[in-house]
N, C-alpha and C. Protein backbone atom coordinates (compact mmCIF):
# COMPACT_ATOMS: atom_id res chain seq x y z
N MET A 1 12.99 -11.97 -7.17
CA MET A 1 11.83 -11.12 -6.99
C MET A 1 11.82 -10.08 -8.11
N THR A 2 10.70 -9.95 -8.81
CA THR A 2 10.63 -9.00 -9.90
C THR A 2 10.38 -7.59 -9.37
N VAL A 3 10.57 -6.62 -10.24
CA VAL A 3 10.36 -5.22 -9.89
C VAL A 3 8.92 -5.01 -9.42
N ARG A 4 7.98 -5.52 -10.17
CA ARG A 4 6.57 -5.33 -9.81
C ARG A 4 6.24 -5.98 -8.48
N VAL A 5 6.79 -7.15 -8.24
CA VAL A 5 6.52 -7.85 -6.98
C VAL A 5 7.07 -7.05 -5.81
N LEU A 6 8.27 -6.53 -5.96
CA LEU A 6 8.87 -5.74 -4.88
C LEU A 6 8.07 -4.47 -4.62
N ALA A 7 7.72 -3.75 -5.66
CA ALA A 7 6.93 -2.53 -5.50
C ALA A 7 5.58 -2.84 -4.89
N ARG A 8 4.97 -3.94 -5.35
CA ARG A 8 3.67 -4.34 -4.83
C ARG A 8 3.77 -4.70 -3.35
N GLN A 9 4.87 -5.36 -2.96
CA GLN A 9 5.05 -5.75 -1.56
C GLN A 9 5.16 -4.52 -0.65
N VAL A 10 5.91 -3.52 -1.10
CA VAL A 10 6.04 -2.29 -0.31
C VAL A 10 4.67 -1.62 -0.14
N ALA A 11 3.93 -1.51 -1.25
CA ALA A 11 2.60 -0.90 -1.19
C ALA A 11 1.67 -1.74 -0.31
N MET A 12 1.78 -3.05 -0.40
CA MET A 12 0.93 -3.94 0.39
C MET A 12 1.22 -3.79 1.88
N ASP A 13 2.48 -3.65 2.25
CA ASP A 13 2.83 -3.49 3.66
C ASP A 13 2.17 -2.24 4.24
N ILE A 14 2.22 -1.14 3.50
CA ILE A 14 1.61 0.10 3.98
C ILE A 14 0.09 -0.02 3.98
N THR A 15 -0.46 -0.61 2.93
CA THR A 15 -1.91 -0.80 2.85
C THR A 15 -2.41 -1.65 4.01
N THR A 16 -1.71 -2.74 4.29
CA THR A 16 -2.12 -3.63 5.37
C THR A 16 -2.08 -2.91 6.71
N LYS A 17 -1.09 -2.07 6.89
CA LYS A 17 -0.96 -1.36 8.16
C LYS A 17 -2.12 -0.40 8.39
N TYR A 18 -2.54 0.32 7.36
CA TYR A 18 -3.54 1.37 7.54
C TYR A 18 -4.93 1.01 7.04
N CYS A 19 -5.07 -0.04 6.27
CA CYS A 19 -6.38 -0.46 5.76
C CYS A 19 -6.63 -1.92 6.14
N HIS A 20 -6.20 -2.29 7.34
CA HIS A 20 -6.26 -3.67 7.80
C HIS A 20 -7.68 -4.26 7.72
N LYS A 21 -8.65 -3.51 8.22
CA LYS A 21 -10.03 -4.01 8.25
C LYS A 21 -10.54 -4.34 6.85
N GLU A 22 -10.28 -3.43 5.91
CA GLU A 22 -10.72 -3.64 4.53
C GLU A 22 -9.99 -4.81 3.89
N MET A 23 -8.68 -4.89 4.14
CA MET A 23 -7.90 -6.00 3.59
C MET A 23 -8.36 -7.34 4.16
N GLU A 24 -8.65 -7.37 5.44
CA GLU A 24 -9.09 -8.60 6.08
C GLU A 24 -10.43 -9.06 5.51
N SER A 25 -11.38 -8.14 5.37
CA SER A 25 -12.70 -8.50 4.81
C SER A 25 -12.56 -9.02 3.39
N TYR A 26 -11.74 -8.36 2.61
CA TYR A 26 -11.52 -8.78 1.22
C TYR A 26 -10.88 -10.16 1.18
N GLY A 27 -9.87 -10.39 2.00
CA GLY A 27 -9.20 -11.69 2.05
C GLY A 27 -10.13 -12.80 2.46
N GLN A 28 -11.00 -12.53 3.42
CA GLN A 28 -11.97 -13.54 3.86
C GLN A 28 -12.95 -13.86 2.74
N CYS A 29 -13.36 -12.84 2.00
CA CYS A 29 -14.29 -13.06 0.89
C CYS A 29 -13.63 -13.91 -0.19
N VAL A 30 -12.38 -13.59 -0.53
CA VAL A 30 -11.66 -14.36 -1.56
C VAL A 30 -11.53 -15.82 -1.12
N ALA A 31 -11.20 -16.04 0.15
CA ALA A 31 -11.05 -17.40 0.66
C ALA A 31 -12.38 -18.15 0.65
N ALA A 32 -13.47 -17.44 0.90
CA ALA A 32 -14.79 -18.07 0.95
C ALA A 32 -15.34 -18.37 -0.45
N HIS A 33 -14.83 -17.70 -1.46
CA HIS A 33 -15.33 -17.87 -2.83
C HIS A 33 -14.16 -18.12 -3.79
N PRO A 34 -13.47 -19.25 -3.65
CA PRO A 34 -12.24 -19.47 -4.43
C PRO A 34 -12.42 -19.44 -5.94
N SER A 35 -13.56 -19.84 -6.43
CA SER A 35 -13.71 -19.88 -7.89
C SER A 35 -14.49 -18.69 -8.45
N THR A 36 -15.15 -17.93 -7.57
CA THR A 36 -15.97 -16.81 -8.07
C THR A 36 -15.66 -15.51 -7.33
N TRP A 37 -14.48 -15.44 -6.70
CA TRP A 37 -14.17 -14.27 -5.90
C TRP A 37 -14.18 -12.96 -6.70
N GLN A 38 -13.84 -13.03 -7.99
CA GLN A 38 -13.83 -11.80 -8.79
C GLN A 38 -15.20 -11.13 -8.79
N GLN A 39 -16.26 -11.94 -8.86
CA GLN A 39 -17.61 -11.39 -8.86
C GLN A 39 -18.09 -11.09 -7.44
N HIS A 40 -17.90 -12.06 -6.54
CA HIS A 40 -18.43 -11.92 -5.18
C HIS A 40 -17.74 -10.84 -4.36
N CYS A 41 -16.50 -10.56 -4.63
CA CYS A 41 -15.71 -9.69 -3.75
C CYS A 41 -15.40 -8.33 -4.36
N GLN A 42 -16.02 -8.00 -5.47
CA GLN A 42 -15.72 -6.75 -6.16
C GLN A 42 -15.95 -5.53 -5.26
N GLU A 43 -17.03 -5.51 -4.52
CA GLU A 43 -17.33 -4.36 -3.65
C GLU A 43 -16.26 -4.21 -2.56
N LEU A 44 -15.83 -5.33 -1.99
CA LEU A 44 -14.79 -5.28 -0.96
C LEU A 44 -13.45 -4.85 -1.55
N LYS A 45 -13.17 -5.27 -2.78
CA LYS A 45 -11.96 -4.84 -3.46
C LYS A 45 -11.98 -3.32 -3.65
N MET A 46 -13.14 -2.79 -4.00
CA MET A 46 -13.28 -1.35 -4.18
C MET A 46 -13.10 -0.61 -2.85
N LYS A 47 -13.52 -1.22 -1.76
CA LYS A 47 -13.33 -0.60 -0.45
C LYS A 47 -11.84 -0.51 -0.09
N VAL A 48 -11.08 -1.54 -0.45
CA VAL A 48 -9.63 -1.50 -0.23
C VAL A 48 -9.03 -0.37 -1.06
N ALA A 49 -9.43 -0.29 -2.32
CA ALA A 49 -8.91 0.76 -3.20
C ALA A 49 -9.28 2.15 -2.68
N GLN A 50 -10.51 2.28 -2.19
CA GLN A 50 -10.95 3.57 -1.64
C GLN A 50 -10.13 3.94 -0.41
N CYS A 51 -9.87 2.97 0.44
CA CYS A 51 -9.08 3.23 1.64
C CYS A 51 -7.68 3.67 1.26
N THR A 52 -7.05 2.97 0.33
CA THR A 52 -5.67 3.31 -0.02
C THR A 52 -5.57 4.66 -0.70
N SER A 53 -6.63 5.08 -1.37
CA SER A 53 -6.56 6.37 -2.05
C SER A 53 -7.01 7.53 -1.18
N SER A 54 -7.74 7.24 -0.09
CA SER A 54 -8.27 8.34 0.71
C SER A 54 -7.81 8.36 2.16
N HIS A 55 -7.14 7.31 2.62
CA HIS A 55 -6.72 7.29 4.02
C HIS A 55 -5.75 8.43 4.28
N PRO A 56 -6.01 9.26 5.31
CA PRO A 56 -5.17 10.42 5.57
C PRO A 56 -3.70 10.09 5.82
N VAL A 57 -3.43 8.97 6.48
CA VAL A 57 -2.03 8.60 6.75
C VAL A 57 -1.33 8.24 5.45
N ILE A 58 -1.98 7.47 4.59
CA ILE A 58 -1.38 7.08 3.32
C ILE A 58 -1.15 8.31 2.45
N GLN A 59 -2.11 9.24 2.44
CA GLN A 59 -1.93 10.48 1.69
C GLN A 59 -0.73 11.27 2.22
N LYS A 60 -0.60 11.33 3.54
CA LYS A 60 0.51 12.06 4.16
C LYS A 60 1.84 11.39 3.80
N ILE A 61 1.88 10.06 3.83
CA ILE A 61 3.11 9.34 3.45
C ILE A 61 3.45 9.64 1.98
N ARG A 62 2.44 9.60 1.12
CA ARG A 62 2.68 9.89 -0.30
C ARG A 62 3.26 11.28 -0.49
N THR A 63 2.77 12.25 0.28
CA THR A 63 3.26 13.61 0.17
C THR A 63 4.65 13.76 0.77
N ASP A 64 4.80 13.34 2.02
CA ASP A 64 6.05 13.56 2.75
C ASP A 64 7.20 12.70 2.25
N CYS A 65 6.90 11.55 1.66
CA CYS A 65 7.96 10.63 1.22
C CYS A 65 8.00 10.47 -0.29
N SER A 66 7.46 11.45 -1.00
CA SER A 66 7.41 11.33 -2.46
C SER A 66 8.81 11.23 -3.06
N LYS A 67 9.78 11.97 -2.52
CA LYS A 67 11.15 11.92 -3.03
C LYS A 67 11.73 10.51 -2.87
N GLU A 68 11.59 9.93 -1.68
CA GLU A 68 12.12 8.59 -1.44
C GLU A 68 11.42 7.55 -2.31
N PHE A 69 10.10 7.70 -2.49
CA PHE A 69 9.39 6.74 -3.31
C PHE A 69 9.80 6.87 -4.78
N THR A 70 9.97 8.10 -5.26
CA THR A 70 10.40 8.32 -6.64
C THR A 70 11.78 7.71 -6.88
N GLU A 71 12.68 7.89 -5.91
CA GLU A 71 14.02 7.30 -6.03
C GLU A 71 13.95 5.76 -6.04
N PHE A 72 13.05 5.21 -5.22
CA PHE A 72 12.85 3.76 -5.18
C PHE A 72 12.34 3.27 -6.53
N GLU A 73 11.33 3.95 -7.09
CA GLU A 73 10.79 3.56 -8.39
C GLU A 73 11.86 3.67 -9.49
N ARG A 74 12.63 4.74 -9.47
CA ARG A 74 13.68 4.92 -10.46
C ARG A 74 14.70 3.79 -10.37
N CYS A 75 15.08 3.44 -9.15
CA CYS A 75 16.02 2.34 -8.96
C CYS A 75 15.46 1.04 -9.54
N LEU A 76 14.18 0.79 -9.28
CA LEU A 76 13.57 -0.44 -9.80
C LEU A 76 13.59 -0.46 -11.33
N LEU A 77 13.31 0.68 -11.93
CA LEU A 77 13.32 0.74 -13.40
C LEU A 77 14.72 0.54 -13.96
N GLU A 78 15.70 1.10 -13.27
CA GLU A 78 17.08 0.98 -13.74
C GLU A 78 17.70 -0.38 -13.45
N ASN A 79 17.13 -1.12 -12.54
CA ASN A 79 17.70 -2.41 -12.13
C ASN A 79 16.66 -3.53 -12.23
N GLN A 80 15.97 -3.57 -13.36
CA GLN A 80 14.88 -4.54 -13.51
C GLN A 80 15.34 -5.97 -13.37
N ASN A 81 16.57 -6.25 -13.70
CA ASN A 81 17.07 -7.63 -13.61
C ASN A 81 17.59 -7.97 -12.23
N SER A 82 17.79 -6.97 -11.39
CA SER A 82 18.27 -7.22 -10.04
C SER A 82 17.62 -6.24 -9.05
N PRO A 83 16.31 -6.36 -8.87
CA PRO A 83 15.60 -5.41 -8.00
C PRO A 83 16.08 -5.44 -6.56
N THR A 84 16.72 -6.52 -6.14
CA THR A 84 17.20 -6.56 -4.77
C THR A 84 18.30 -5.53 -4.54
N SER A 85 18.91 -5.04 -5.62
CA SER A 85 19.92 -3.99 -5.46
C SER A 85 19.27 -2.67 -5.02
N CYS A 86 17.96 -2.62 -4.97
CA CYS A 86 17.24 -1.42 -4.53
C CYS A 86 16.83 -1.51 -3.07
N SER A 87 17.36 -2.46 -2.35
CA SER A 87 16.93 -2.64 -0.96
C SER A 87 17.20 -1.40 -0.10
N ALA A 88 18.29 -0.67 -0.39
CA ALA A 88 18.56 0.56 0.36
C ALA A 88 17.49 1.61 0.09
N HIS A 89 17.01 1.65 -1.16
CA HIS A 89 15.95 2.60 -1.51
C HIS A 89 14.64 2.23 -0.81
N VAL A 90 14.35 0.94 -0.76
CA VAL A 90 13.16 0.47 -0.04
C VAL A 90 13.27 0.86 1.42
N ALA A 91 14.42 0.61 2.00
CA ALA A 91 14.63 0.93 3.43
C ALA A 91 14.46 2.42 3.68
N ARG A 92 14.98 3.27 2.79
CA ARG A 92 14.82 4.72 2.97
C ARG A 92 13.36 5.13 2.89
N PHE A 93 12.63 4.55 1.91
CA PHE A 93 11.21 4.89 1.78
C PHE A 93 10.43 4.43 3.01
N LEU A 94 10.62 3.18 3.41
CA LEU A 94 9.90 2.66 4.58
C LEU A 94 10.30 3.41 5.85
N GLY A 95 11.58 3.76 5.95
CA GLY A 95 12.04 4.56 7.08
C GLY A 95 11.35 5.91 7.12
N CYS A 96 11.23 6.53 5.96
CA CYS A 96 10.51 7.80 5.86
C CYS A 96 9.05 7.60 6.27
N ALA A 97 8.42 6.57 5.73
CA ALA A 97 7.01 6.31 6.04
C ALA A 97 6.79 6.14 7.54
N GLU A 98 7.76 5.50 8.20
CA GLU A 98 7.63 5.27 9.65
C GLU A 98 7.84 6.54 10.46
N THR A 99 8.52 7.54 9.89
CA THR A 99 8.82 8.75 10.65
C THR A 99 7.95 9.94 10.27
N VAL A 100 6.98 9.72 9.39
CA VAL A 100 6.09 10.81 9.00
C VAL A 100 5.37 11.33 10.24
N ASP A 101 5.36 12.64 10.38
CA ASP A 101 4.69 13.28 11.53
C ASP A 101 3.18 13.18 11.32
N LEU A 102 2.55 12.38 12.15
CA LEU A 102 1.11 12.15 12.02
C LEU A 102 0.29 13.04 12.96
N ALA A 103 0.93 14.02 13.58
CA ALA A 103 0.20 14.94 14.45
C ALA A 103 -0.88 15.63 13.62
N GLY A 104 -2.08 15.57 14.08
CA GLY A 104 -3.19 16.19 13.38
C GLY A 104 -3.78 15.36 12.26
N VAL A 105 -3.22 14.18 12.03
CA VAL A 105 -3.75 13.30 10.98
C VAL A 105 -4.60 12.24 11.64
N ALA A 106 -5.79 12.01 11.09
CA ALA A 106 -6.69 10.99 11.63
C ALA A 106 -6.14 9.62 11.26
N VAL A 107 -5.52 8.95 12.23
CA VAL A 107 -4.92 7.64 11.97
C VAL A 107 -6.00 6.59 11.72
N ASN A 108 -7.12 6.70 12.42
CA ASN A 108 -8.26 5.78 12.24
C ASN A 108 -9.48 6.60 11.89
N PRO A 109 -9.54 7.12 10.65
CA PRO A 109 -10.66 7.98 10.28
C PRO A 109 -11.97 7.21 10.24
N VAL A 110 -13.04 7.95 10.44
CA VAL A 110 -14.37 7.36 10.34
C VAL A 110 -14.66 7.14 8.87
N PRO A 111 -15.01 5.90 8.47
CA PRO A 111 -15.28 5.64 7.05
C PRO A 111 -16.44 6.49 6.55
N GLN A 112 -16.28 6.99 5.34
CA GLN A 112 -17.34 7.76 4.71
C GLN A 112 -18.28 6.82 3.97
N PRO A 113 -19.58 7.09 4.00
CA PRO A 113 -20.51 6.22 3.27
C PRO A 113 -20.24 6.27 1.77
N SER A 114 -20.39 5.12 1.12
CA SER A 114 -20.13 5.04 -0.32
C SER A 114 -21.35 5.41 -1.10
């Protein structure tokens, strides 16, 4: 597993958890348009990006777990040939993400019109 794949997988796990609806719509569009999905699904791709950049839970995780994520990224950069050696860093980051205090955070915010 490459560094980028591992980092992408961690980000995808969090995105899927909090932007499930957007990810599902985008995935269905890609499946429905296998040869032209880049054109047909651009708006849905943008909705996924908007969700990941604006979702209150993801923002809170980015803030509260920035130290763990930075350590994870540093480990990946230092161990590009063996990213699996960063599994403890991944576990710490995901553990942090799971324990973020979401009191007062809109877990299922009302989507804002684009």
